[in-house]
Amino acid sequence: MTLWSGRFTAPMDKTLWDLSESYSFDHVLYAHDIQGSRAHVQGLGAAGILSDEETATLLVALDQVLAEFESQSFAPSSSDEDVHTAIERRVTELAGDVGAKLHTARSRNDQVATTLRLFTRDAISETCRAALHLIDVLDEVGNKNRDAYLPGYTHMQRAQPVLLSHHLRAHAFALLRDVDRLLDARDRLNESSLGAGAIAGTSLNIDPAFTAGLLGFSSTFANSMDAVSDRDFVAETLFDVALMGVHLSRMGEELVLWTSAEFNFASLGDDFTTGSSMLPQKKNSDVAELARGKSGRLIGNLTGLLVTLKGLPLSYNRDLQEDKEPLFDSVRQIHLVLRALTGAYRSMSFNDEVASSAADDQFLVAIDIAEELVAEGVPFRQAHEHVGKLVATAVSTNQSLAAVVALDPSVARFTPLFDPGSALARRRSPGASGPLASADQVQRLRVAASELNDRLSH
């Protein structure tokens, strides 16, 4: 039996049922729906709509249903259109006629909106915890390889040497922004929709602020139509997760490159790599490839929801049922990627000898020679032109840049700049990639992470 059977003389056609039912995927909301229902029952009791005995009976029944879900003994019925219907049916079986009062002063519209806000709030918190853990591991790996360095790239061409810790912190700072955005989204969604009813509220004497307080919401809705139709918080969460996925994809791409034989900068542990069904020698960085690949899925989930939302008139429309699967999927996928990359980085062995040799590429010293000339008063464009010609000579005559510099009286005094590690040590401006600039970055990263951890806890 549906929740609206009194109005109809024929049951729902099976094709419509198959299109409409959502229990197959929204059952994951059971804990948050029961949480919202408990607050609703207590609100009905506080308003005098339910007696103390009725309130207690319903709360006991809801606790029983929660225990059945947790123990995986809950038995759905073929008539359960969604998890909300399933819970109300079971409560009514347990509480008898009192169970029929559970939905008083409530619509599935405000019920679903509230449940989804509770789910998303918790999902954001879990995602932020996982991202902050990855940030900690990136810091840990950099600290473990404190002196390791490699070439930094622009246009996938060697540009300047950077500490490995500096490189990893670049990813960490991007993830900090992701966490900051998610926590901002959590603050914005922390508004209760319960009490908005189907569209226009109710004539019964309920107090939405009371239930909002029980559920830990910081405020309650101002407009009932907006309350039941708003899915901005889902779209915003999907965007934040998709952008985090893009950052993780970039990290995955680097691990793919670093662990290739051509780069040979790093290797991942056997527990975070796979083999080949045909080629016995293969050790594949699938974890990094999957991190890269999942980003398209996360972007697709965001795009799909935005297209669903773009043409909806106020207020609630059944199209909004399509908000859940993208959200559930994106949350699940981002958690998988965060946890897997955390383990992969922790398993990583960095080949410092190969990476530092690449970073000591003689051509990466060109900017240092130009800057030394600038320090002596030569205009930068003139210095750039002069050193560029030295590079061109080295390339065209197949000589080392160091040899060409040594033969030019105007710059021969700069040949010590070609000593291994010299160019790295000279990167000393605030925020730069050298050792002298490192301590401030470490401090800023750790302070920012600590502040976000505090926000997450509150």
Protein backbone atom coordinates (compact mmCIF):
# COMPACT_ATOMS: atom_id res chain seq x y z
CA MET A 1 0.00 0.00 0.00
CA THR A 2 1.30 3.45 -0.94
CA LEU A 3 1.15 6.48 1.31
CA TRP A 4 -1.61 7.99 -0.84
CA SER A 5 -3.82 4.96 -1.58
CA GLY A 6 -6.98 6.64 -0.32
CA ARG A 7 -7.14 8.90 -3.36
CA PHE A 8 -6.74 6.15 -5.98
CA THR A 9 -8.86 3.25 -7.20
CA ALA A 10 -6.12 1.30 -8.97
CA PRO A 11 -2.66 0.27 -7.83
CA MET A 12 0.44 1.75 -9.43
CA ASP A 13 1.41 0.05 -12.68
CA LYS A 14 4.57 -2.02 -12.40
CA THR A 15 6.38 0.05 -15.03
CA LEU A 16 5.72 3.21 -13.01
CA TRP A 17 6.71 1.41 -9.83
CA ASP A 18 10.00 0.32 -11.34
CA LEU A 19 10.65 3.89 -12.44
CA SER A 20 9.62 5.41 -9.10
CA GLU A 21 11.03 3.13 -6.42
CA SER A 22 14.21 4.31 -4.72
CA TYR A 23 14.61 1.93 -1.78
CA SER A 24 17.20 0.03 -3.80
CA PHE A 25 19.61 2.94 -3.40
CA ASP A 26 18.24 5.31 -0.74
CA HIS A 27 18.18 2.67 2.00
CA VAL A 28 21.63 3.97 2.95
CA LEU A 29 19.80 6.95 4.46
CA TYR A 30 18.14 4.85 7.16
CA ALA A 31 20.13 6.19 10.12
CA HIS A 32 19.65 9.82 9.12
CA ASP A 33 15.95 9.33 8.37
CA ILE A 34 15.42 7.74 11.78
CA GLN A 35 17.41 10.56 13.37
CA GLY A 36 15.09 13.08 11.73
CA SER A 37 12.00 11.05 12.66
CA ARG A 38 13.03 10.89 16.31
CA ALA A 39 13.34 14.68 16.39
CA HIS A 40 9.99 15.03 14.64
CA VAL A 41 8.28 12.77 17.19
CA GLN A 42 9.81 14.70 20.06
CA GLY A 43 8.63 17.92 18.42
CA LEU A 44 5.08 16.57 18.14
CA GLY A 45 5.25 15.61 21.80
CA ALA A 46 6.53 19.04 22.85
CA ALA A 47 3.68 20.67 20.89
CA GLY A 48 1.09 18.50 22.65
CA ILE A 49 0.08 16.80 19.40
CA LEU A 50 1.28 13.46 20.79
CA SER A 51 0.84 12.34 24.37
CA ASP A 52 3.88 11.39 26.44
CA GLU A 53 2.93 7.74 26.08
CA GLU A 54 2.53 8.00 22.31
CA THR A 55 5.83 9.82 22.02
CA ALA A 56 7.61 7.13 24.03
CA THR A 57 6.00 4.34 21.99
CA LEU A 58 7.13 5.85 18.70
CA LEU A 59 10.66 6.49 19.94
CA VAL A 60 10.98 2.89 21.11
CA ALA A 61 9.71 1.66 17.74
CA LEU A 62 12.16 3.89 15.86
CA ASP A 63 15.02 2.59 17.99
CA GLN A 64 13.94 -0.95 17.20
CA VAL A 65 13.92 -0.23 13.47
CA LEU A 66 17.38 1.31 13.72
CA ALA A 67 18.64 -1.81 15.53
CA GLU A 68 17.19 -4.00 12.79
CA PHE A 69 18.97 -1.99 10.08
CA GLU A 70 22.24 -2.06 12.00
CA SER A 71 22.03 -5.82 12.49
CA GLN A 72 20.99 -6.28 8.84
CA SER A 73 17.83 -8.04 9.97
CA PHE A 74 15.46 -5.39 8.63
CA ALA A 75 13.13 -7.00 6.11
CA PRO A 76 11.94 -4.63 3.36
CA SER A 77 8.52 -5.17 1.88
CA SER A 78 7.71 -5.25 -1.81
CA SER A 79 5.50 -2.23 -1.12
CA ASP A 80 8.34 -0.09 0.25
CA GLU A 81 8.77 2.63 -2.35
CA ASP A 82 11.67 4.22 -0.50
CA VAL A 83 13.48 4.01 2.82
CA HIS A 84 11.15 6.59 4.36
CA THR A 85 8.10 4.47 3.53
CA ALA A 86 9.86 1.35 4.76
CA ILE A 87 10.65 2.86 8.14
CA GLU A 88 7.14 4.22 8.64
CA ARG A 89 5.65 0.83 7.69
CA ARG A 90 7.84 -1.00 10.16
CA VAL A 91 7.16 1.55 12.93
CA THR A 92 3.45 1.06 12.39
CA GLU A 93 3.86 -2.72 12.58
CA LEU A 94 5.64 -2.32 15.91
CA ALA A 95 3.56 0.52 17.41
CA GLY A 96 0.12 -0.28 16.01
CA ASP A 97 -2.26 2.64 15.54
CA VAL A 98 0.20 5.00 17.21
CA GLY A 99 2.53 4.36 14.31
CA ALA A 100 -0.01 5.97 12.00
CA LYS A 101 0.67 9.27 13.82
CA LEU A 102 4.37 9.32 12.90
CA HIS A 103 3.83 11.37 9.76
CA THR A 104 1.62 14.00 11.42
CA ALA A 105 2.55 17.56 10.31
CA ARG A 106 5.19 16.20 7.96
CA SER A 107 5.48 15.53 4.22
CA ARG A 108 7.99 13.35 2.50
CA ASN A 109 9.13 16.59 0.90
CA ASP A 110 10.46 18.17 4.11
CA GLN A 111 11.35 14.73 5.50
CA VAL A 112 13.59 13.86 2.54
CA ALA A 113 15.18 17.32 2.45
CA THR A 114 16.03 17.07 6.14
CA THR A 115 17.33 13.52 5.87
CA LEU A 116 19.54 14.44 2.93
CA ARG A 117 20.97 17.44 4.77
CA LEU A 118 21.85 15.20 7.72
CA PHE A 119 23.49 12.66 5.42
CA THR A 120 25.43 15.30 3.48
CA ARG A 121 26.60 17.00 6.66
CA ASP A 122 28.09 13.75 7.93
CA ALA A 123 29.48 12.83 4.51
CA ILE A 124 31.31 16.14 4.28
CA SER A 125 32.80 15.63 7.73
CA GLU A 126 34.02 12.15 6.80
CA THR A 127 35.49 13.41 3.53
CA CYS A 128 37.33 16.22 5.31
CA ARG A 129 38.77 13.80 7.86
CA ALA A 130 40.09 11.57 5.07
CA ALA A 131 41.57 14.54 3.18
CA LEU A 132 43.28 15.90 6.30
CA HIS A 133 44.76 12.46 6.88
CA LEU A 134 46.18 12.47 3.35
CA ILE A 135 47.63 15.93 4.01
CA ASP A 136 49.32 14.57 7.14
CA VAL A 137 50.81 11.70 5.13
CA LEU A 138 52.12 14.03 2.41
CA ASP A 139 53.82 16.04 5.16
CA GLU A 140 55.12 12.82 6.69
CA VAL A 141 56.60 11.58 3.39
CA GLY A 142 58.23 14.93 2.73
CA ASN A 143 59.73 14.98 6.21
CA LYS A 144 61.02 11.42 5.79
CA ASN A 145 62.76 12.47 2.56
CA ARG A 146 63.82 15.87 3.86
CA ASP A 147 66.82 16.36 1.52
CA ALA A 148 65.36 14.71 -1.59
CA TYR A 149 64.80 16.91 -4.62
CA LEU A 150 63.68 16.59 -8.22
CA PRO A 151 63.01 18.80 -11.25
CA GLY A 152 59.94 20.96 -11.14
CA TYR A 153 58.17 21.02 -14.50
CA THR A 154 56.33 23.58 -16.56
CA HIS A 155 54.82 22.46 -19.89
CA MET A 156 56.18 19.01 -18.86
CA GLN A 157 59.69 20.38 -19.48
CA ARG A 158 62.27 20.60 -16.71
CA ALA A 159 62.12 24.08 -15.23
CA GLN A 160 63.77 24.46 -11.81
CA PRO A 161 64.79 22.11 -8.98
CA VAL A 162 62.39 21.68 -6.06
CA LEU A 163 62.49 19.76 -2.82
CA LEU A 164 60.28 16.69 -2.81
CA SER A 165 58.68 18.03 0.37
CA HIS A 166 57.93 21.31 -1.44
CA HIS A 167 56.31 19.41 -4.31
CA LEU A 168 54.15 17.35 -1.95
CA ARG A 169 53.17 20.43 0.02
CA ALA A 170 51.86 21.98 -3.20
CA HIS A 171 49.32 19.16 -3.31
CA ALA A 172 48.65 19.52 0.41
CA PHE A 173 47.79 23.21 0.08
CA ALA A 174 45.34 22.41 -2.73
CA LEU A 175 43.70 19.79 -0.52
CA LEU A 176 43.49 22.35 2.31
CA ARG A 177 41.43 24.56 0.02
CA ASP A 178 39.20 21.58 -0.78
CA VAL A 179 38.58 20.97 2.91
CA ASP A 180 37.94 24.66 3.50
CA ARG A 181 35.33 24.70 0.71
CA LEU A 182 33.62 21.58 2.03
CA LEU A 183 33.42 22.99 5.54
CA ASP A 184 31.94 26.21 4.12
CA ALA A 185 29.36 24.09 2.31
CA ARG A 186 28.64 22.22 5.55
CA ASP A 187 27.98 25.53 7.30
CA ARG A 188 25.58 26.63 4.57
CA LEU A 189 23.61 23.38 4.50
CA ASN A 190 23.25 23.30 8.28
CA GLU A 191 19.67 24.57 8.13
CA SER A 192 16.69 22.40 8.97
CA SER A 193 13.89 21.84 6.45
CA LEU A 194 11.72 19.93 8.91
CA GLY A 195 8.36 21.60 9.38
CA ALA A 196 8.04 22.97 5.86
CA GLY A 197 5.57 20.23 5.00
CA ALA A 198 4.76 19.54 1.38
CA ILE A 199 5.10 23.17 0.27
CA ALA A 200 3.35 25.61 2.59
CA GLY A 201 3.84 24.41 6.15
CA THR A 202 1.02 23.18 8.38
CA SER A 203 -1.85 24.50 10.49
CA LEU A 204 -0.72 22.36 13.44
CA ASN A 205 1.17 24.06 16.25
CA ILE A 206 4.69 22.71 15.60
CA ASP A 207 7.97 24.46 16.36
CA PRO A 208 10.57 23.92 13.62
CA ALA A 209 13.24 25.60 15.76
CA PHE A 210 12.77 22.92 18.44
CA THR A 211 13.47 20.05 16.06
CA ALA A 212 16.29 21.97 14.39
CA GLY A 213 18.00 22.21 17.77
CA LEU A 214 17.59 18.50 18.43
CA LEU A 215 19.23 17.71 15.09
CA GLY A 216 22.15 20.06 15.59
CA PHE A 217 21.13 22.47 12.86
CA SER A 218 22.26 26.06 13.38
CA SER A 219 19.01 27.50 12.00
CA THR A 220 15.69 26.59 10.46
CA PHE A 221 14.18 27.43 7.09
CA ALA A 222 12.75 30.89 6.41
CA ASN A 223 10.58 29.93 3.43
CA SER A 224 8.76 26.61 3.16
CA MET A 225 8.84 26.47 -0.65
CA ASP A 226 12.57 27.01 -0.74
CA ALA A 227 13.07 24.49 2.07
CA VAL A 228 11.56 21.56 0.18
CA SER A 229 12.99 22.40 -3.27
CA ASP A 230 16.51 23.55 -2.41
CA ARG A 231 19.27 21.20 -3.52
CA ASP A 232 22.00 23.82 -3.71
CA PHE A 233 23.77 22.01 -0.91
CA VAL A 234 23.95 18.80 -2.97
CA ALA A 235 25.24 20.63 -6.04
CA GLU A 236 27.79 22.54 -3.97
CA THR A 237 29.00 19.36 -2.31
CA LEU A 238 29.30 17.62 -5.67
CA PHE A 239 31.31 20.55 -7.02
CA ASP A 240 33.65 20.55 -4.03
CA VAL A 241 34.12 16.79 -4.32
CA ALA A 242 34.67 17.01 -8.09
CA LEU A 243 37.34 19.68 -7.66
CA MET A 244 39.00 17.58 -4.98
CA GLY A 245 38.85 14.70 -7.45
CA VAL A 246 40.62 16.86 -10.04
CA HIS A 247 43.39 17.57 -7.52
CA LEU A 248 43.68 13.87 -6.70
CA SER A 249 43.76 13.08 -10.42
CA ARG A 250 46.72 15.42 -10.84
CA MET A 251 48.48 13.59 -8.01
CA GLY A 252 47.69 10.28 -9.67
CA GLU A 253 49.09 11.46 -13.00
CA GLU A 254 52.37 12.38 -11.31
CA LEU A 255 52.65 9.02 -9.60
CA VAL A 256 52.09 7.32 -12.96
CA LEU A 257 54.96 9.35 -14.43
CA TRP A 258 57.29 9.08 -11.44
CA THR A 259 56.95 5.28 -11.26
CA SER A 260 57.55 4.73 -14.98
CA ALA A 261 60.91 3.38 -16.12
CA GLU A 262 61.41 6.56 -18.12
CA PHE A 263 61.28 8.75 -14.99
CA ASN A 264 62.21 6.21 -12.30
CA PHE A 265 61.80 8.81 -9.56
CA ALA A 266 59.75 6.54 -7.29
CA SER A 267 58.19 3.14 -6.76
CA LEU A 268 55.08 2.14 -4.86
CA GLY A 269 54.85 -0.75 -2.44
CA ASP A 270 53.75 -4.12 -3.73
CA ASP A 271 50.56 -3.76 -1.69
CA PHE A 272 49.60 -0.68 -3.74
CA THR A 273 50.50 -1.97 -7.20
CA THR A 274 49.20 -4.66 -9.54
CA GLY A 275 50.65 -7.05 -12.08
CA SER A 276 49.81 -8.15 -15.58
CA SER A 277 47.78 -11.18 -16.58
CA MET A 278 50.24 -11.73 -19.46
CA LEU A 279 53.52 -9.93 -18.78
CA PRO A 280 55.39 -11.34 -15.77
CA GLN A 281 57.70 -8.34 -15.34
CA LYS A 282 54.97 -5.72 -14.96
CA LYS A 283 54.40 -3.67 -11.79
CA ASN A 284 51.56 -1.27 -12.50
CA SER A 285 50.57 1.84 -10.53
CA ASP A 286 46.86 1.13 -10.96
CA VAL A 287 46.02 3.02 -7.76
CA ALA A 288 47.24 6.22 -9.40
CA GLU A 289 45.48 5.49 -12.68
CA LEU A 290 42.18 4.86 -10.91
CA ALA A 291 42.58 8.08 -8.92
CA ARG A 292 43.04 9.82 -12.25
CA GLY A 293 40.12 8.02 -13.85
CA LYS A 294 37.58 8.61 -11.08
CA SER A 295 37.71 12.37 -11.63
CA GLY A 296 35.64 12.06 -14.80
CA ARG A 297 32.96 10.20 -12.89
CA LEU A 298 32.86 12.89 -10.19
CA ILE A 299 32.59 15.67 -12.77
CA GLY A 300 29.82 13.74 -14.53
CA ASN A 301 27.81 13.42 -11.32
CA LEU A 302 27.97 17.18 -10.81
CA THR A 303 27.04 17.94 -14.40
CA GLY A 304 24.11 15.51 -14.34
CA LEU A 305 22.59 17.07 -11.23
CA LEU A 306 22.97 20.62 -12.52
CA VAL A 307 21.13 19.66 -15.72
CA THR A 308 18.38 18.06 -13.62
CA LEU A 309 17.96 21.19 -11.50
CA LYS A 310 18.10 23.80 -14.25
CA GLY A 311 14.49 23.60 -15.44
CA LEU A 312 12.50 22.83 -12.29
CA PRO A 313 9.65 25.14 -11.27
CA LEU A 314 8.99 25.72 -7.59
CA SER A 315 8.65 23.87 -5.48
CA TYR A 316 9.18 20.09 -5.06
CA ASN A 317 9.31 17.94 -8.20
CA ARG A 318 9.98 14.22 -8.42
CA ASP A 319 13.01 14.98 -10.58
CA LEU A 320 14.73 15.74 -7.27
CA GLN A 321 14.88 12.01 -6.59
CA GLU A 322 17.81 12.11 -9.03
CA ASP A 323 19.91 14.03 -6.51
CA LYS A 324 20.75 10.99 -4.40
CA GLU A 325 22.59 8.52 -6.57
CA PRO A 326 25.13 11.11 -7.81
CA LEU A 327 25.71 12.23 -4.23
CA PHE A 328 26.03 8.71 -2.84
CA ASP A 329 28.35 7.70 -5.66
CA SER A 330 30.60 10.77 -5.43
CA VAL A 331 30.93 10.44 -1.68
CA ARG A 332 31.81 6.76 -1.96
CA GLN A 333 34.31 7.27 -4.80
CA ILE A 334 36.13 10.19 -3.19
CA HIS A 335 36.51 8.20 0.04
CA LEU A 336 37.96 5.25 -1.89
CA VAL A 337 40.44 7.46 -3.72
CA LEU A 338 41.50 9.40 -0.62
CA ARG A 339 42.15 6.25 1.37
CA ALA A 340 43.96 4.48 -1.46
CA LEU A 341 46.22 7.43 -2.28
CA THR A 342 47.01 7.87 1.41
CA GLY A 343 48.27 4.31 1.52
CA ALA A 344 50.08 4.63 -1.80
CA TYR A 345 52.08 7.67 -0.73
CA ARG A 346 52.94 6.06 2.57
CA SER A 347 54.24 3.00 0.67
CA MET A 348 56.28 5.09 -1.78
CA SER A 349 60.06 4.75 -2.04
CA PHE A 350 61.67 7.81 -3.61
CA ASN A 351 64.72 7.33 -5.85
CA ASP A 352 66.64 10.39 -4.69
CA GLU A 353 69.74 9.67 -6.77
CA VAL A 354 67.88 9.57 -10.08
CA ALA A 355 65.60 12.50 -9.25
CA SER A 356 68.38 14.78 -7.99
CA SER A 357 70.50 13.96 -11.03
CA ALA A 358 67.64 15.09 -13.25
CA ALA A 359 67.20 18.23 -11.12
CA ASP A 360 70.89 19.08 -11.51
CA ASP A 361 70.41 19.33 -15.27
CA GLN A 362 72.83 22.06 -16.37
CA PHE A 363 70.19 23.99 -18.27
CA LEU A 364 68.24 24.54 -15.04
CA VAL A 365 71.09 26.82 -13.94
CA ALA A 366 70.38 29.31 -16.75
CA ILE A 367 68.03 31.43 -14.63
CA ASP A 368 70.59 31.56 -11.81
CA ILE A 369 73.22 33.01 -14.12
CA ALA A 370 70.72 35.58 -15.37
CA GLU A 371 69.77 36.53 -11.80
CA GLU A 372 73.42 36.89 -10.82
CA LEU A 373 73.82 39.36 -13.67
CA VAL A 374 70.70 41.19 -12.47
CA ALA A 375 72.20 41.39 -8.98
CA GLU A 376 75.21 43.12 -10.56
CA GLY A 377 72.97 45.73 -12.20
CA VAL A 378 72.26 44.25 -15.64
CA PRO A 379 68.62 44.78 -16.73
CA PHE A 380 66.79 41.45 -16.65
CA ARG A 381 65.83 41.43 -20.33
CA GLN A 382 69.46 41.93 -21.32
CA ALA A 383 70.60 39.22 -18.89
CA HIS A 384 67.91 36.87 -20.22
CA GLU A 385 69.03 37.51 -23.80
CA HIS A 386 72.69 36.93 -22.97
CA VAL A 387 72.10 33.64 -21.17
CA GLY A 388 69.67 32.51 -23.86
CA LYS A 389 72.43 32.86 -26.43
CA LEU A 390 74.76 30.80 -24.23
CA VAL A 391 72.12 28.05 -24.09
CA ALA A 392 71.68 28.19 -27.86
CA THR A 393 75.44 27.84 -28.32
CA ALA A 394 75.57 24.83 -25.99
CA VAL A 395 72.71 23.13 -27.85
CA SER A 396 74.01 23.88 -31.37
CA THR A 397 77.61 22.83 -30.61
CA ASN A 398 76.64 19.85 -28.45
CA GLN A 399 78.62 21.21 -25.50
CA SER A 400 77.64 21.39 -21.86
CA LEU A 401 76.29 24.75 -20.74
CA ALA A 402 78.93 24.74 -18.01
CA ALA A 403 81.68 24.50 -20.64
CA VAL A 404 80.21 27.34 -22.69
CA VAL A 405 79.88 29.53 -19.60
CA ALA A 406 83.45 28.78 -18.54
CA LEU A 407 84.73 30.02 -21.94
CA ASP A 408 82.77 33.32 -21.78
CA PRO A 409 84.73 35.93 -19.78
CA SER A 410 81.56 37.88 -18.98
CA VAL A 411 80.02 34.96 -17.02
CA ALA A 412 82.88 32.50 -16.36
CA ARG A 413 82.87 33.46 -12.67
CA PHE A 414 79.45 31.80 -12.32
CA THR A 415 80.62 28.24 -13.04
CA PRO A 416 80.23 27.22 -9.33
CA LEU A 417 76.47 27.56 -9.87
CA PHE A 418 76.66 24.22 -11.71
CA ASP A 419 77.66 22.37 -8.52
CA PRO A 420 75.07 19.69 -7.58
CA GLY A 421 72.34 21.14 -5.39
CA SER A 422 73.49 24.73 -5.85
CA ALA A 423 70.47 25.85 -7.89
CA LEU A 424 68.11 24.29 -5.35
CA ALA A 425 69.77 26.04 -2.42
CA ARG A 426 69.40 29.40 -4.17
CA ARG A 427 65.60 29.13 -4.26
CA ARG A 428 65.22 31.10 -1.03
CA SER A 429 62.47 33.71 -1.55
CA PRO A 430 59.32 33.31 0.61
CA GLY A 431 57.31 30.32 -0.58
CA ALA A 432 60.15 29.10 -2.79
CA SER A 433 61.32 25.53 -3.30
CA GLY A 434 64.67 25.62 -1.51
CA PRO A 435 65.59 24.51 2.03
CA LEU A 436 65.72 28.02 3.52
CA ALA A 437 62.11 28.73 2.56
CA SER A 438 60.87 25.36 3.73
CA ALA A 439 60.41 25.93 7.46
CA ASP A 440 57.83 28.71 7.05
CA GLN A 441 55.79 26.61 4.62
CA VAL A 442 55.77 23.66 7.00
CA GLN A 443 54.54 25.90 9.78
CA ARG A 444 51.83 27.48 7.64
CA LEU A 445 50.66 24.08 6.40
CA ARG A 446 50.43 22.61 9.87
CA VAL A 447 48.70 25.65 11.35
CA ALA A 448 46.15 25.68 8.53
CA ALA A 449 45.52 21.94 8.91
CA SER A 450 45.09 22.35 12.67
CA GLU A 451 42.59 25.18 12.19
CA LEU A 452 40.59 23.07 9.73
CA ASN A 453 40.64 20.16 12.16
CA ASP A 454 39.18 22.49 14.80
CA ARG A 455 36.46 23.66 12.41
CA LEU A 456 35.71 20.05 11.52
CA SER A 457 35.29 19.13 15.18
CA HIS A 458 32.88 21.97 15.79
